[in-house]
C-alpha cells in the first residue's frame, strides 16, 4: 500500500509542477491554485507513505521519478533513474540505515 501512495504522491507532485509552469509566476489564479493543491496532496500522501516505507527509500523514489517525469525521458536517463531506484531499494532491503 505504501508504494501505491508513493505513486500517487509522485503524480500529484508532477501535476503541481506542471501547473506551476502555467501559473506565469503565480499571476494566473487557476494554475496557481492547482500548483498549491498538487504540492499539498503530494506532501500529505508522502507523509502517509512514510508510515510503511523508509524515508530514504521513499524520498529517493519520489524525487527521482518526479524529476524524471518533469525533465523528459531519454533511454539513458531512464536507465540512470532505474539504477538509482534499484540501488536504494537493495540498500533498504539489505538493512542499510
Protein backbone atom coordinates (compact mmCIF):
# COMPACT_ATOMS: atom_id res chain seq x y z
CA UNK A 1 0.00 0.00 0.00
CA UNK A 2 2.91 2.36 0.77
CA UNK A 3 4.24 2.23 -2.77
CA UNK A 4 0.76 2.90 -4.17
CA UNK A 5 0.53 6.02 -2.02
CA UNK A 6 4.01 6.97 -3.18
CA UNK A 7 2.96 6.67 -6.82
CA UNK A 8 0.00 8.95 -6.12
CA UNK A 9 2.31 11.43 -4.33
CA UNK A 10 4.59 11.48 -7.36
CA UNK A 11 1.64 12.07 -9.68
CA UNK A 12 0.38 14.96 -7.54
CA UNK A 13 3.86 16.50 -7.42
CA UNK A 14 4.25 16.27 -11.20
CA UNK A 15 0.80 17.81 -11.67
CA UNK A 16 1.67 20.65 -9.28
CA UNK A 17 4.97 21.33 -11.01
CA UNK A 18 3.31 21.29 -14.42
CA UNK A 19 0.65 23.72 -13.21
CA UNK A 20 3.41 25.96 -11.86
CA UNK A 21 4.76 26.34 -15.38
CA UNK A 22 1.36 27.66 -16.50
CA UNK A 23 0.89 29.94 -13.48
CA UNK A 24 3.07 32.63 -15.10
CA UNK A 25 4.90 33.44 -11.89
CA UNK A 26 1.77 32.86 -9.81
CA UNK A 27 -0.02 35.66 -11.66
CA UNK A 28 -2.75 33.37 -13.04
CA UNK A 29 -5.23 32.20 -10.40
CA UNK A 30 -6.30 28.72 -11.56
CA UNK A 31 -2.83 27.32 -12.35
CA UNK A 32 -1.53 28.88 -9.11
CA UNK A 33 -4.24 27.14 -7.08
CA UNK A 34 -3.58 23.86 -8.91
CA UNK A 35 0.12 24.21 -8.03
CA UNK A 36 -0.66 24.64 -4.35
CA UNK A 37 -3.18 21.80 -4.38
CA UNK A 38 -0.76 19.47 -6.20
CA UNK A 39 2.01 20.07 -3.69
CA UNK A 40 -0.33 19.83 -0.70
CA UNK A 41 -1.72 16.48 -1.87
CA UNK A 42 1.78 15.28 -2.71
CA UNK A 43 3.17 16.05 0.75
CA UNK A 44 0.17 14.53 2.53
CA UNK A 45 0.50 11.33 0.51
CA UNK A 46 4.27 11.27 1.02
CA UNK A 47 3.75 11.61 4.77
CA UNK A 48 1.32 8.67 4.70
CA UNK A 49 3.85 6.66 2.67
CA UNK A 50 6.44 7.15 5.42
CA UNK A 51 4.33 5.03 7.77
CA UNK A 52 5.38 1.91 5.84
CA UNK A 53 8.36 2.89 3.66
CA UNK A 54 11.67 4.24 4.99
CA UNK A 55 12.23 7.93 4.46
CA UNK A 56 15.39 7.39 2.39
CA UNK A 57 13.74 4.97 0.02
CA UNK A 58 10.53 6.99 -0.30
CA UNK A 59 12.32 10.29 -0.86
CA UNK A 60 14.74 8.83 -3.41
CA UNK A 61 11.90 7.32 -5.43
CA UNK A 62 9.65 10.39 -5.05
CA UNK A 63 12.30 12.87 -6.10
CA UNK A 64 13.80 10.64 -8.79
CA UNK A 65 10.57 9.79 -10.55
CA UNK A 66 9.24 13.33 -10.18
CA UNK A 67 12.38 14.84 -11.66
CA UNK A 68 12.47 12.31 -14.47
CA UNK A 69 8.83 12.91 -15.36
CA UNK A 70 9.26 16.69 -15.48
CA UNK A 71 12.64 16.64 -17.26
CA UNK A 72 11.50 14.32 -20.04
CA UNK A 73 12.93 10.90 -20.52
CA UNK A 74 15.57 9.56 -22.80
CA UNK A 75 16.73 5.97 -22.65
CA UNK A 76 19.94 6.97 -20.86
CA UNK A 77 18.00 8.99 -18.26
CA UNK A 78 15.53 6.15 -17.72
CA UNK A 79 18.34 3.64 -17.17
CA UNK A 80 20.12 6.01 -14.78
CA UNK A 81 16.99 6.66 -12.71
CA UNK A 82 16.16 2.94 -12.66
CA UNK A 83 19.66 2.12 -11.41
CA UNK A 84 19.35 4.70 -8.63
CA UNK A 85 15.98 3.34 -7.55
CA UNK A 86 17.14 -0.26 -7.66
CA UNK A 87 20.21 0.69 -5.63
CA UNK A 88 18.14 2.42 -2.96
CA UNK A 89 15.72 -0.49 -2.73
CA UNK A 90 18.58 -3.01 -2.46
CA UNK A 91 20.23 -0.95 0.29
CA UNK A 92 16.89 -0.70 2.09
CA UNK A 93 16.23 -4.44 1.86
CA UNK A 94 19.79 -5.16 2.96
CA UNK A 95 19.28 -3.32 6.20
CA UNK A 96 21.33 -0.17 5.47
CA UNK A 97 20.37 2.76 7.69
